[in-house]
Amino acid sequence: MNRLYFCIFNSDSGVEVVPESVYHALNIIRIVLLEADTQTIIEHLKGRDDKDYSEESVSTLSDKEREQSERIAQLLKCPLDIYRMAFTDEDLDHVAALLNVGG
C-alpha cells in the first residue's frame, strides 16, 4: 500500500493538481481517499510543516483532492472508497476492511 497525493500546495500555498500521467505507471488497483475536517487538517499541517494554512486553502485542497481522486479512479477503472477519518481505533479497522487486509 502506497500513499498518494492528488493535489499539493505550491510555494505560494496555492493548490496544484498532480498530473494524471503520474498515475498510469503506478499499477493502482484501488484508491482509498482519507478525509478529515478542515480544522484537523490545518492542525496536522501545522505540526508537519510548521506553517499556517488558511481554512480556505485547506478546504480548496480537500475539494480538489476528492475531484481528482474521482477522476483518476475513472481513468484507471479502479474502485474508489472515500473514508472520513474519526481519529479513533476504528479508523484502522475500517480502512483495513476496505483494503481487505488479512482477509
N, C-alpha and C. Protein backbone atom coordinates (compact mmCIF):
# COMPACT_ATOMS: atom_id res chain seq x y z
N MET A 1 0.85 -1.17 0.00
CA MET A 1 0.00 0.00 0.00
C MET A 1 0.90 1.23 0.00
N ASN A 2 0.59 2.15 -0.89
CA ASN A 2 1.37 3.38 -1.01
C ASN A 2 0.49 4.58 -0.74
N ARG A 3 1.10 5.61 -0.24
CA ARG A 3 0.41 6.88 -0.03
C ARG A 3 0.57 7.71 -1.29
N LEU A 4 -0.54 8.19 -1.81
CA LEU A 4 -0.52 9.04 -3.00
C LEU A 4 -1.17 10.37 -2.67
N TYR A 5 -0.75 11.36 -3.38
CA TYR A 5 -1.40 12.66 -3.27
C TYR A 5 -1.99 13.00 -4.62
N PHE A 6 -3.15 13.61 -4.61
CA PHE A 6 -3.79 14.04 -5.83
C PHE A 6 -3.58 15.52 -6.05
N CYS A 7 -3.32 16.24 -4.96
CA CYS A 7 -3.06 17.67 -5.01
C CYS A 7 -2.02 18.00 -3.94
N ILE A 8 -1.30 19.08 -4.19
CA ILE A 8 -0.31 19.55 -3.23
C ILE A 8 -0.38 21.07 -3.15
N PHE A 9 0.18 21.63 -2.09
CA PHE A 9 0.32 23.07 -2.00
C PHE A 9 1.61 23.47 -2.69
N ASN A 10 1.57 24.52 -3.49
CA ASN A 10 2.80 25.05 -4.08
C ASN A 10 3.44 26.01 -3.09
N SER A 11 4.53 26.63 -3.48
CA SER A 11 5.27 27.50 -2.55
C SER A 11 4.49 28.75 -2.14
N ASP A 12 3.44 29.09 -2.89
CA ASP A 12 2.58 30.23 -2.54
C ASP A 12 1.32 29.81 -1.81
N SER A 13 1.27 28.55 -1.37
CA SER A 13 0.11 27.95 -0.69
C SER A 13 -1.09 27.81 -1.61
N GLY A 14 -0.86 27.86 -2.91
CA GLY A 14 -1.91 27.58 -3.87
C GLY A 14 -1.99 26.07 -4.10
N VAL A 15 -3.13 25.61 -4.56
CA VAL A 15 -3.34 24.18 -4.77
C VAL A 15 -2.94 23.80 -6.19
N GLU A 16 -2.06 22.80 -6.29
CA GLU A 16 -1.62 22.27 -7.58
C GLU A 16 -2.14 20.84 -7.70
N VAL A 17 -2.77 20.53 -8.82
CA VAL A 17 -3.26 19.18 -9.08
C VAL A 17 -2.12 18.37 -9.70
N VAL A 18 -1.87 17.18 -9.15
CA VAL A 18 -0.83 16.30 -9.69
C VAL A 18 -1.33 15.80 -11.05
N PRO A 19 -0.50 15.87 -12.08
CA PRO A 19 -0.94 15.47 -13.43
C PRO A 19 -1.38 14.01 -13.49
N GLU A 20 -2.42 13.76 -14.30
CA GLU A 20 -2.96 12.41 -14.45
C GLU A 20 -1.91 11.42 -14.93
N SER A 21 -0.97 11.87 -15.73
CA SER A 21 0.05 10.97 -16.30
C SER A 21 0.89 10.28 -15.23
N VAL A 22 0.97 10.87 -14.05
CA VAL A 22 1.76 10.30 -12.95
C VAL A 22 1.21 8.94 -12.52
N TYR A 23 -0.08 8.75 -12.59
CA TYR A 23 -0.73 7.58 -12.02
C TYR A 23 -0.69 6.34 -12.91
N HIS A 24 -0.48 6.52 -14.20
CA HIS A 24 -0.52 5.39 -15.13
C HIS A 24 0.53 4.32 -14.82
N ALA A 25 1.71 4.70 -14.43
CA ALA A 25 2.80 3.74 -14.22
C ALA A 25 2.77 3.11 -12.83
N LEU A 26 1.82 3.48 -12.01
CA LEU A 26 1.83 3.04 -10.61
C LEU A 26 1.07 1.75 -10.34
N ASN A 27 0.41 1.18 -11.33
CA ASN A 27 -0.30 -0.09 -11.18
C ASN A 27 -1.31 -0.03 -10.01
N ILE A 28 -2.09 1.02 -9.98
CA ILE A 28 -3.08 1.22 -8.93
C ILE A 28 -4.29 0.32 -9.19
N ILE A 29 -4.70 -0.41 -8.14
CA ILE A 29 -5.87 -1.29 -8.29
C ILE A 29 -7.04 -0.83 -7.42
N ARG A 30 -6.81 0.05 -6.48
CA ARG A 30 -7.87 0.59 -5.62
C ARG A 30 -7.37 1.89 -5.02
N ILE A 31 -8.28 2.83 -4.84
CA ILE A 31 -7.96 4.10 -4.20
C ILE A 31 -8.82 4.23 -2.96
N VAL A 32 -8.19 4.55 -1.84
CA VAL A 32 -8.91 4.88 -0.61
C VAL A 32 -8.53 6.31 -0.27
N LEU A 33 -9.50 7.21 -0.40
CA LEU A 33 -9.27 8.61 -0.07
C LEU A 33 -9.65 8.83 1.38
N LEU A 34 -8.69 9.28 2.17
CA LEU A 34 -8.94 9.57 3.58
C LEU A 34 -9.20 11.06 3.73
N GLU A 35 -10.32 11.40 4.32
CA GLU A 35 -10.69 12.79 4.51
C GLU A 35 -10.81 13.09 6.00
N ALA A 36 -10.74 14.37 6.32
CA ALA A 36 -10.91 14.82 7.70
C ALA A 36 -11.49 16.23 7.65
N ASP A 37 -11.96 16.71 8.81
CA ASP A 37 -12.49 18.06 8.81
C ASP A 37 -11.34 19.06 8.63
N THR A 38 -11.68 20.21 8.15
CA THR A 38 -10.69 21.23 7.78
C THR A 38 -9.78 21.60 8.94
N GLN A 39 -10.35 21.79 10.11
CA GLN A 39 -9.53 22.20 11.26
C GLN A 39 -8.51 21.14 11.65
N THR A 40 -8.89 19.88 11.57
CA THR A 40 -7.96 18.78 11.87
C THR A 40 -6.82 18.77 10.87
N ILE A 41 -7.12 18.99 9.61
CA ILE A 41 -6.08 19.03 8.58
C ILE A 41 -5.14 20.20 8.82
N ILE A 42 -5.70 21.35 9.17
CA ILE A 42 -4.87 22.54 9.45
C ILE A 42 -3.90 22.25 10.60
N GLU A 43 -4.39 21.62 11.65
CA GLU A 43 -3.54 21.28 12.80
C GLU A 43 -2.45 20.30 12.41
N HIS A 44 -2.80 19.29 11.61
CA HIS A 44 -1.81 18.31 11.15
C HIS A 44 -0.73 18.99 10.31
N LEU A 45 -1.14 19.83 9.37
CA LEU A 45 -0.18 20.52 8.51
C LEU A 45 0.72 21.46 9.31
N LYS A 46 0.17 22.11 10.31
CA LYS A 46 0.96 23.00 11.17
C LYS A 46 2.05 22.18 11.89
N GLY A 47 1.68 21.01 12.39
CA GLY A 47 2.65 20.14 13.07
C GLY A 47 3.69 19.60 12.11
N ARG A 48 3.26 19.26 10.89
CA ARG A 48 4.17 18.67 9.91
C ARG A 48 5.08 19.72 9.26
N ASP A 49 4.49 20.84 8.84
CA ASP A 49 5.23 21.84 8.05
C ASP A 49 5.65 23.06 8.84
N ASP A 50 5.14 23.20 10.07
CA ASP A 50 5.34 24.40 10.86
C ASP A 50 4.94 25.64 10.06
N LYS A 51 3.79 25.52 9.40
CA LYS A 51 3.29 26.60 8.56
C LYS A 51 1.79 26.72 8.78
N ASP A 52 1.29 27.95 8.78
CA ASP A 52 -0.14 28.20 8.95
C ASP A 52 -0.81 28.24 7.59
N TYR A 53 -1.78 27.35 7.38
CA TYR A 53 -2.57 27.34 6.16
C TYR A 53 -3.95 27.88 6.49
N SER A 54 -4.52 28.64 5.57
CA SER A 54 -5.85 29.20 5.80
C SER A 54 -6.91 28.13 5.65
N GLU A 55 -8.05 28.37 6.27
CA GLU A 55 -9.18 27.46 6.14
C GLU A 55 -9.60 27.35 4.67
N GLU A 56 -9.58 28.46 3.98
CA GLU A 56 -9.96 28.48 2.56
C GLU A 56 -9.02 27.60 1.72
N SER A 57 -7.71 27.72 1.96
CA SER A 57 -6.73 26.92 1.21
C SER A 57 -6.93 25.43 1.46
N VAL A 58 -7.12 25.06 2.71
CA VAL A 58 -7.27 23.65 3.06
C VAL A 58 -8.59 23.10 2.52
N SER A 59 -9.63 23.90 2.58
CA SER A 59 -10.92 23.48 2.04
C SER A 59 -10.82 23.28 0.52
N THR A 60 -10.14 24.18 -0.16
CA THR A 60 -9.92 24.04 -1.60
C THR A 60 -9.12 22.79 -1.90
N LEU A 61 -8.07 22.55 -1.13
CA LEU A 61 -7.26 21.34 -1.31
C LEU A 61 -8.12 20.09 -1.15
N SER A 62 -8.94 20.04 -0.13
CA SER A 62 -9.80 18.88 0.12
C SER A 62 -10.77 18.65 -1.03
N ASP A 63 -11.38 19.72 -1.50
CA ASP A 63 -12.32 19.61 -2.61
C ASP A 63 -11.64 19.11 -3.87
N LYS A 64 -10.46 19.65 -4.16
CA LYS A 64 -9.72 19.25 -5.36
C LYS A 64 -9.21 17.82 -5.24
N GLU A 65 -8.82 17.41 -4.04
CA GLU A 65 -8.38 16.04 -3.81
C GLU A 65 -9.50 15.06 -4.14
N ARG A 66 -10.69 15.37 -3.68
CA ARG A 66 -11.84 14.49 -3.95
C ARG A 66 -12.13 14.45 -5.45
N GLU A 67 -12.17 15.61 -6.09
CA GLU A 67 -12.42 15.67 -7.53
C GLU A 67 -11.39 14.86 -8.31
N GLN A 68 -10.13 15.06 -7.97
CA GLN A 68 -9.05 14.38 -8.70
C GLN A 68 -9.04 12.88 -8.42
N SER A 69 -9.34 12.48 -7.19
CA SER A 69 -9.39 11.04 -6.89
C SER A 69 -10.50 10.38 -7.69
N GLU A 70 -11.64 11.04 -7.83
CA GLU A 70 -12.74 10.50 -8.63
C GLU A 70 -12.33 10.40 -10.10
N ARG A 71 -11.66 11.42 -10.59
CA ARG A 71 -11.20 11.43 -11.99
C ARG A 71 -10.19 10.31 -12.24
N ILE A 72 -9.24 10.13 -11.33
CA ILE A 72 -8.21 9.10 -11.51
C ILE A 72 -8.81 7.71 -11.40
N ALA A 73 -9.75 7.52 -10.48
CA ALA A 73 -10.41 6.21 -10.36
C ALA A 73 -11.14 5.86 -11.65
N GLN A 74 -11.81 6.82 -12.25
CA GLN A 74 -12.48 6.58 -13.54
C GLN A 74 -11.46 6.29 -14.62
N LEU A 75 -10.40 7.07 -14.67
CA LEU A 75 -9.38 6.91 -15.69
C LEU A 75 -8.73 5.53 -15.62
N LEU A 76 -8.43 5.08 -14.40
CA LEU A 76 -7.76 3.79 -14.21
C LEU A 76 -8.74 2.63 -14.05
N LYS A 77 -10.03 2.95 -14.06
CA LYS A 77 -11.08 1.93 -13.91
C LYS A 77 -10.86 1.09 -12.65
N CYS A 78 -10.63 1.79 -11.55
CA CYS A 78 -10.43 1.10 -10.28
C CYS A 78 -11.41 1.65 -9.25
N PRO A 79 -11.72 0.85 -8.23
CA PRO A 79 -12.67 1.31 -7.21
C PRO A 79 -12.09 2.46 -6.38
N LEU A 80 -12.97 3.34 -5.95
CA LEU A 80 -12.62 4.45 -5.08
C LEU A 80 -13.49 4.37 -3.84
N ASP A 81 -12.85 4.31 -2.68
CA ASP A 81 -13.55 4.37 -1.40
C ASP A 81 -13.15 5.68 -0.73
N ILE A 82 -14.12 6.39 -0.21
CA ILE A 82 -13.84 7.64 0.50
C ILE A 82 -14.23 7.43 1.95
N TYR A 83 -13.27 7.65 2.83
CA TYR A 83 -13.48 7.42 4.26
C TYR A 83 -13.14 8.69 5.03
N ARG A 84 -14.08 9.13 5.84
CA ARG A 84 -13.87 10.30 6.69
C ARG A 84 -13.28 9.84 8.02
N MET A 85 -12.07 10.26 8.29
CA MET A 85 -11.36 9.85 9.50
C MET A 85 -12.05 10.39 10.75
N ALA A 86 -12.18 9.51 11.75
CA ALA A 86 -12.72 9.91 13.04
C ALA A 86 -11.59 10.05 14.07
N PHE A 87 -10.41 9.54 13.71
CA PHE A 87 -9.23 9.55 14.58
C PHE A 87 -9.50 8.77 15.87
N THR A 88 -10.07 7.57 15.65
CA THR A 88 -10.29 6.61 16.73
C THR A 88 -9.68 5.29 16.27
N ASP A 89 -9.71 4.31 17.16
CA ASP A 89 -9.19 2.98 16.82
C ASP A 89 -9.94 2.35 15.66
N GLU A 90 -11.18 2.74 15.46
CA GLU A 90 -11.98 2.17 14.39
C GLU A 90 -11.48 2.55 13.00
N ASP A 91 -10.74 3.65 12.88
CA ASP A 91 -10.23 4.07 11.57
C ASP A 91 -9.39 2.96 10.93
N LEU A 92 -8.47 2.41 11.68
CA LEU A 92 -7.58 1.38 11.14
C LEU A 92 -8.38 0.15 10.71
N ASP A 93 -9.31 -0.26 11.54
CA ASP A 93 -10.13 -1.43 11.21
C ASP A 93 -10.94 -1.19 9.94
N HIS A 94 -11.52 -0.01 9.84
CA HIS A 94 -12.36 0.30 8.68
C HIS A 94 -11.53 0.34 7.40
N VAL A 95 -10.41 1.01 7.43
CA VAL A 95 -9.56 1.11 6.24
C VAL A 95 -8.99 -0.26 5.87
N ALA A 96 -8.59 -1.04 6.86
CA ALA A 96 -8.09 -2.40 6.60
C ALA A 96 -9.18 -3.24 5.92
N ALA A 97 -10.43 -3.08 6.37
CA ALA A 97 -11.52 -3.84 5.75
C ALA A 97 -11.73 -3.38 4.31
N LEU A 98 -11.61 -2.10 4.05
CA LEU A 98 -11.72 -1.59 2.68
C LEU A 98 -10.65 -2.20 1.78
N LEU A 99 -9.47 -2.36 2.34
CA LEU A 99 -8.35 -2.92 1.57
C LEU A 99 -8.31 -4.45 1.63
N ASN A 100 -9.20 -5.02 2.44
CA ASN A 100 -9.26 -6.46 2.63
C ASN A 100 -7.93 -7.02 3.13
N VAL A 101 -7.29 -6.28 4.03
CA VAL A 101 -6.02 -6.70 4.60
C VAL A 101 -6.27 -7.84 5.56
N GLY A 102 -5.51 -8.90 5.35
CA GLY A 102 -5.62 -10.07 6.22
C GLY A 102 -6.87 -10.89 5.97
N GLY A 103 -7.57 -10.61 4.86
CA GLY A 103 -8.83 -11.31 4.65
C GLY A 103 -8.81 -12.26 3.51
